[in-house]
Amino acid sequence: MSKNIEPRHYDVILSPVVTEKATIASEHNKVLFKVAAKATKPQIKEAIEKLFDVKVKSVNTLVRKGKVKAFRGTIGSQSNSKRAIVTLEEGHRIDVTTGL
C-alpha cells in the first residue's frame, strides 16, 4: 500500500491538541490540531487526508494569541499559535490519544 505522503504534509500539521475541550469535540467527529501559522484550509485538509487516510468534511481555523507573562519584573509573551478544528465525514475516525 503506497500512500502519497509528501514531506510538506508534516510541515503543515505540527501536533494534535489533547485537552478537555478537544476530547469533548471528538465525540462529535471533530479533531483539533496545532498547525503552521501560514497553513491554509485546503493545505490542512489535504495533509489530514493523506496522513491519516480519512475523509475531511470541513476545516475551521483559529489563532490563539500568546499570553503576556511577567517573571521577576521582566515582561515577556508566549508566541501565537494557529489551530485547526477538523470535522471528519461519518464513519471516519482519528484517535490521537493512542499515538502519544
N, C-alpha and C. Protein backbone atom coordinates (compact mmCIF):
# COMPACT_ATOMS: atom_id res chain seq x y z
N MET A 1 0.85 -1.18 0.00
CA MET A 1 0.00 0.00 0.00
C MET A 1 0.89 1.24 0.00
N SER A 2 0.94 1.94 -1.09
CA SER A 2 1.80 3.10 -1.24
C SER A 2 0.99 4.38 -1.09
N LYS A 3 1.15 5.04 0.05
CA LYS A 3 0.47 6.31 0.26
C LYS A 3 1.27 7.41 -0.41
N ASN A 4 0.59 8.44 -0.82
CA ASN A 4 1.25 9.56 -1.47
C ASN A 4 1.51 10.66 -0.45
N ILE A 5 2.35 10.36 0.56
CA ILE A 5 2.65 11.31 1.62
C ILE A 5 3.92 12.07 1.24
N GLU A 6 3.80 13.39 1.24
CA GLU A 6 4.94 14.24 0.93
C GLU A 6 5.44 14.88 2.22
N PRO A 7 6.72 15.23 2.29
CA PRO A 7 7.26 15.85 3.50
C PRO A 7 6.56 17.15 3.89
N ARG A 8 6.01 17.86 2.91
CA ARG A 8 5.35 19.13 3.23
C ARG A 8 4.10 18.92 4.09
N HIS A 9 3.49 17.73 4.03
CA HIS A 9 2.32 17.47 4.86
C HIS A 9 2.70 17.49 6.34
N TYR A 10 3.92 17.03 6.64
CA TYR A 10 4.37 17.05 8.03
C TYR A 10 4.71 18.46 8.50
N ASP A 11 4.99 19.38 7.57
CA ASP A 11 5.25 20.76 7.93
C ASP A 11 3.96 21.53 8.21
N VAL A 12 2.86 21.07 7.66
CA VAL A 12 1.57 21.75 7.86
C VAL A 12 0.98 21.37 9.22
N ILE A 13 0.93 20.08 9.53
CA ILE A 13 0.36 19.60 10.78
C ILE A 13 1.49 19.45 11.79
N LEU A 14 1.46 20.24 12.87
CA LEU A 14 2.54 20.19 13.85
C LEU A 14 2.29 19.15 14.94
N SER A 15 1.09 19.16 15.53
CA SER A 15 0.79 18.19 16.59
C SER A 15 -0.71 18.17 16.87
N PRO A 16 -1.20 17.07 17.43
CA PRO A 16 -2.60 17.05 17.86
C PRO A 16 -2.75 17.82 19.17
N VAL A 17 -3.93 18.31 19.42
CA VAL A 17 -4.21 19.02 20.66
C VAL A 17 -5.03 18.08 21.53
N VAL A 18 -4.49 17.76 22.71
CA VAL A 18 -5.19 16.87 23.63
C VAL A 18 -5.56 17.68 24.86
N THR A 19 -6.80 18.18 24.87
CA THR A 19 -7.32 18.93 26.00
C THR A 19 -8.72 18.40 26.30
N GLU A 20 -9.31 18.91 27.36
CA GLU A 20 -10.67 18.50 27.70
C GLU A 20 -11.64 18.91 26.60
N LYS A 21 -11.47 20.11 26.07
CA LYS A 21 -12.34 20.60 25.00
C LYS A 21 -12.18 19.75 23.74
N ALA A 22 -10.94 19.34 23.43
CA ALA A 22 -10.70 18.51 22.25
C ALA A 22 -11.31 17.13 22.42
N THR A 23 -11.29 16.60 23.64
CA THR A 23 -11.88 15.29 23.91
C THR A 23 -13.40 15.33 23.73
N ILE A 24 -14.01 16.41 24.18
CA ILE A 24 -15.47 16.56 24.01
C ILE A 24 -15.81 16.70 22.54
N ALA A 25 -14.98 17.44 21.78
CA ALA A 25 -15.22 17.63 20.35
C ALA A 25 -15.07 16.32 19.59
N SER A 26 -14.21 15.41 20.07
CA SER A 26 -14.01 14.14 19.37
C SER A 26 -15.27 13.28 19.38
N GLU A 27 -16.16 13.52 20.33
CA GLU A 27 -17.44 12.79 20.36
C GLU A 27 -18.34 13.22 19.20
N HIS A 28 -18.07 14.39 18.63
CA HIS A 28 -18.86 14.91 17.51
C HIS A 28 -18.08 14.83 16.19
N ASN A 29 -17.14 13.89 16.12
CA ASN A 29 -16.35 13.63 14.90
C ASN A 29 -15.45 14.81 14.53
N LYS A 30 -14.92 15.52 15.55
CA LYS A 30 -14.02 16.64 15.31
C LYS A 30 -12.69 16.36 16.00
N VAL A 31 -11.59 16.80 15.36
CA VAL A 31 -10.26 16.62 15.90
C VAL A 31 -9.53 17.95 15.83
N LEU A 32 -8.77 18.30 16.89
CA LEU A 32 -8.03 19.56 16.93
C LEU A 32 -6.55 19.30 16.68
N PHE A 33 -5.94 20.16 15.86
CA PHE A 33 -4.53 20.06 15.56
C PHE A 33 -3.89 21.43 15.67
N LYS A 34 -2.63 21.45 16.10
CA LYS A 34 -1.82 22.65 16.04
C LYS A 34 -1.19 22.65 14.65
N VAL A 35 -1.34 23.75 13.90
CA VAL A 35 -0.86 23.78 12.52
C VAL A 35 0.10 24.95 12.32
N ALA A 36 0.79 24.95 11.19
CA ALA A 36 1.72 26.02 10.86
C ALA A 36 0.96 27.33 10.70
N ALA A 37 1.61 28.43 11.05
CA ALA A 37 0.96 29.74 11.05
C ALA A 37 0.49 30.16 9.66
N LYS A 38 1.19 29.75 8.62
CA LYS A 38 0.83 30.15 7.25
C LYS A 38 0.03 29.09 6.51
N ALA A 39 -0.39 28.04 7.20
CA ALA A 39 -1.15 26.97 6.55
C ALA A 39 -2.56 27.45 6.21
N THR A 40 -3.01 27.08 5.01
CA THR A 40 -4.36 27.43 4.58
C THR A 40 -5.30 26.24 4.81
N LYS A 41 -6.59 26.50 4.74
CA LYS A 41 -7.57 25.42 4.96
C LYS A 41 -7.43 24.29 3.93
N PRO A 42 -7.26 24.58 2.63
CA PRO A 42 -7.07 23.49 1.68
C PRO A 42 -5.81 22.68 1.94
N GLN A 43 -4.73 23.34 2.37
CA GLN A 43 -3.50 22.62 2.70
C GLN A 43 -3.70 21.71 3.91
N ILE A 44 -4.41 22.20 4.92
CA ILE A 44 -4.68 21.41 6.12
C ILE A 44 -5.54 20.21 5.77
N LYS A 45 -6.57 20.42 4.95
CA LYS A 45 -7.46 19.34 4.54
C LYS A 45 -6.69 18.25 3.80
N GLU A 46 -5.84 18.65 2.85
CA GLU A 46 -5.07 17.69 2.08
C GLU A 46 -4.10 16.91 2.98
N ALA A 47 -3.43 17.61 3.89
CA ALA A 47 -2.47 16.96 4.78
C ALA A 47 -3.14 15.94 5.69
N ILE A 48 -4.29 16.27 6.25
CA ILE A 48 -5.01 15.35 7.13
C ILE A 48 -5.47 14.13 6.35
N GLU A 49 -6.01 14.34 5.15
CA GLU A 49 -6.50 13.21 4.35
C GLU A 49 -5.36 12.28 3.96
N LYS A 50 -4.20 12.82 3.62
CA LYS A 50 -3.07 11.98 3.21
C LYS A 50 -2.41 11.28 4.41
N LEU A 51 -2.22 12.00 5.51
CA LEU A 51 -1.50 11.43 6.66
C LEU A 51 -2.32 10.37 7.40
N PHE A 52 -3.63 10.62 7.57
CA PHE A 52 -4.44 9.73 8.39
C PHE A 52 -5.39 8.85 7.58
N ASP A 53 -5.41 9.00 6.27
CA ASP A 53 -6.25 8.20 5.38
C ASP A 53 -7.73 8.28 5.78
N VAL A 54 -8.22 9.50 5.94
CA VAL A 54 -9.62 9.74 6.29
C VAL A 54 -10.20 10.76 5.31
N LYS A 55 -11.51 10.97 5.38
CA LYS A 55 -12.19 11.94 4.52
C LYS A 55 -12.60 13.13 5.40
N VAL A 56 -12.16 14.34 5.02
CA VAL A 56 -12.43 15.54 5.79
C VAL A 56 -13.67 16.24 5.24
N LYS A 57 -14.57 16.59 6.14
CA LYS A 57 -15.79 17.30 5.76
C LYS A 57 -15.54 18.81 5.71
N SER A 58 -14.91 19.36 6.78
CA SER A 58 -14.62 20.79 6.82
C SER A 58 -13.45 21.07 7.75
N VAL A 59 -12.87 22.26 7.56
CA VAL A 59 -11.76 22.71 8.39
C VAL A 59 -12.05 24.13 8.87
N ASN A 60 -11.99 24.35 10.17
CA ASN A 60 -12.11 25.68 10.75
C ASN A 60 -10.79 26.01 11.44
N THR A 61 -10.32 27.23 11.29
CA THR A 61 -9.04 27.61 11.90
C THR A 61 -9.23 28.77 12.86
N LEU A 62 -8.30 28.88 13.80
CA LEU A 62 -8.29 29.99 14.73
C LEU A 62 -6.85 30.25 15.14
N VAL A 63 -6.56 31.50 15.52
CA VAL A 63 -5.24 31.85 16.00
C VAL A 63 -5.37 32.20 17.47
N ARG A 64 -4.68 31.43 18.31
CA ARG A 64 -4.67 31.71 19.75
C ARG A 64 -3.59 32.73 20.03
N LYS A 65 -3.96 33.85 20.56
CA LYS A 65 -2.98 34.88 20.88
C LYS A 65 -2.14 34.42 22.08
N GLY A 66 -0.84 34.72 22.04
CA GLY A 66 0.05 34.34 23.13
C GLY A 66 -0.22 35.17 24.37
N LYS A 67 -0.11 34.55 25.52
CA LYS A 67 -0.35 35.24 26.78
C LYS A 67 0.85 36.11 27.14
N VAL A 68 0.58 37.23 27.79
CA VAL A 68 1.64 38.10 28.29
C VAL A 68 1.92 37.69 29.73
N LYS A 69 3.17 37.39 30.02
CA LYS A 69 3.55 36.92 31.36
C LYS A 69 4.63 37.84 31.92
N ALA A 70 4.64 37.98 33.23
CA ALA A 70 5.69 38.73 33.91
C ALA A 70 6.44 37.77 34.81
N PHE A 71 7.76 37.80 34.72
CA PHE A 71 8.59 36.94 35.55
C PHE A 71 9.71 37.78 36.14
N ARG A 72 9.67 37.98 37.44
CA ARG A 72 10.66 38.79 38.16
C ARG A 72 10.82 40.18 37.57
N GLY A 73 9.69 40.79 37.25
CA GLY A 73 9.72 42.14 36.73
C GLY A 73 9.95 42.26 35.23
N THR A 74 10.34 41.17 34.58
CA THR A 74 10.54 41.19 33.13
C THR A 74 9.26 40.71 32.45
N ILE A 75 8.77 41.52 31.54
CA ILE A 75 7.54 41.15 30.85
C ILE A 75 7.90 40.47 29.53
N GLY A 76 7.32 39.32 29.32
CA GLY A 76 7.52 38.57 28.08
C GLY A 76 6.19 38.07 27.59
N SER A 77 6.19 37.46 26.42
CA SER A 77 4.94 36.93 25.91
C SER A 77 5.18 35.59 25.22
N GLN A 78 4.19 34.74 25.32
CA GLN A 78 4.24 33.47 24.61
C GLN A 78 3.90 33.73 23.15
N SER A 79 4.35 32.88 22.27
CA SER A 79 4.08 33.10 20.85
C SER A 79 2.65 32.69 20.50
N ASN A 80 2.13 33.29 19.44
CA ASN A 80 0.80 32.93 18.96
C ASN A 80 0.84 31.54 18.35
N SER A 81 -0.29 30.83 18.37
CA SER A 81 -0.35 29.51 17.75
C SER A 81 -1.65 29.38 16.96
N LYS A 82 -1.55 28.72 15.81
CA LYS A 82 -2.72 28.52 14.96
C LYS A 82 -3.21 27.10 15.17
N ARG A 83 -4.51 26.95 15.30
CA ARG A 83 -5.12 25.64 15.50
C ARG A 83 -6.18 25.40 14.45
N ALA A 84 -6.41 24.14 14.15
CA ALA A 84 -7.42 23.77 13.17
C ALA A 84 -8.38 22.77 13.80
N ILE A 85 -9.66 23.03 13.65
CA ILE A 85 -10.70 22.09 14.07
C ILE A 85 -11.16 21.38 12.81
N VAL A 86 -10.84 20.09 12.72
CA VAL A 86 -11.12 19.31 11.52
C VAL A 86 -12.35 18.44 11.77
N THR A 87 -13.39 18.63 10.97
CA THR A 87 -14.59 17.80 11.05
C THR A 87 -14.47 16.68 10.03
N LEU A 88 -14.63 15.45 10.48
CA LEU A 88 -14.48 14.29 9.60
C LEU A 88 -15.84 13.81 9.11
N GLU A 89 -15.83 13.15 7.96
CA GLU A 89 -17.05 12.55 7.43
C GLU A 89 -17.51 11.42 8.35
N GLU A 90 -18.78 11.07 8.26
CA GLU A 90 -19.32 9.97 9.06
C GLU A 90 -18.58 8.67 8.76
N GLY A 91 -18.26 7.92 9.79
CA GLY A 91 -17.58 6.64 9.60
C GLY A 91 -16.07 6.73 9.66
N HIS A 92 -15.50 7.95 9.64
CA HIS A 92 -14.06 8.12 9.72
C HIS A 92 -13.69 8.62 11.12
N ARG A 93 -12.55 8.11 11.64
CA ARG A 93 -12.11 8.50 12.97
C ARG A 93 -10.59 8.64 13.00
N ILE A 94 -10.12 9.56 13.84
CA ILE A 94 -8.69 9.69 14.15
C ILE A 94 -8.59 9.63 15.66
N ASP A 95 -7.82 8.67 16.17
CA ASP A 95 -7.63 8.54 17.61
C ASP A 95 -6.24 9.06 17.95
N VAL A 96 -6.16 10.31 18.39
CA VAL A 96 -4.86 10.92 18.66
C VAL A 96 -4.27 10.48 19.99
N THR A 97 -5.08 9.90 20.87
CA THR A 97 -4.57 9.52 22.20
C THR A 97 -3.70 8.27 22.14
N THR A 98 -3.84 7.42 21.13
CA THR A 98 -3.04 6.20 21.07
C THR A 98 -1.64 6.46 20.53
N GLY A 99 -1.45 7.50 19.74
CA GLY A 99 -0.16 7.76 19.15
C GLY A 99 0.81 8.50 20.05
N LEU A 100 0.33 8.97 21.21
CA LEU A 100 1.20 9.77 22.08
C LEU A 100 1.98 8.90 23.04
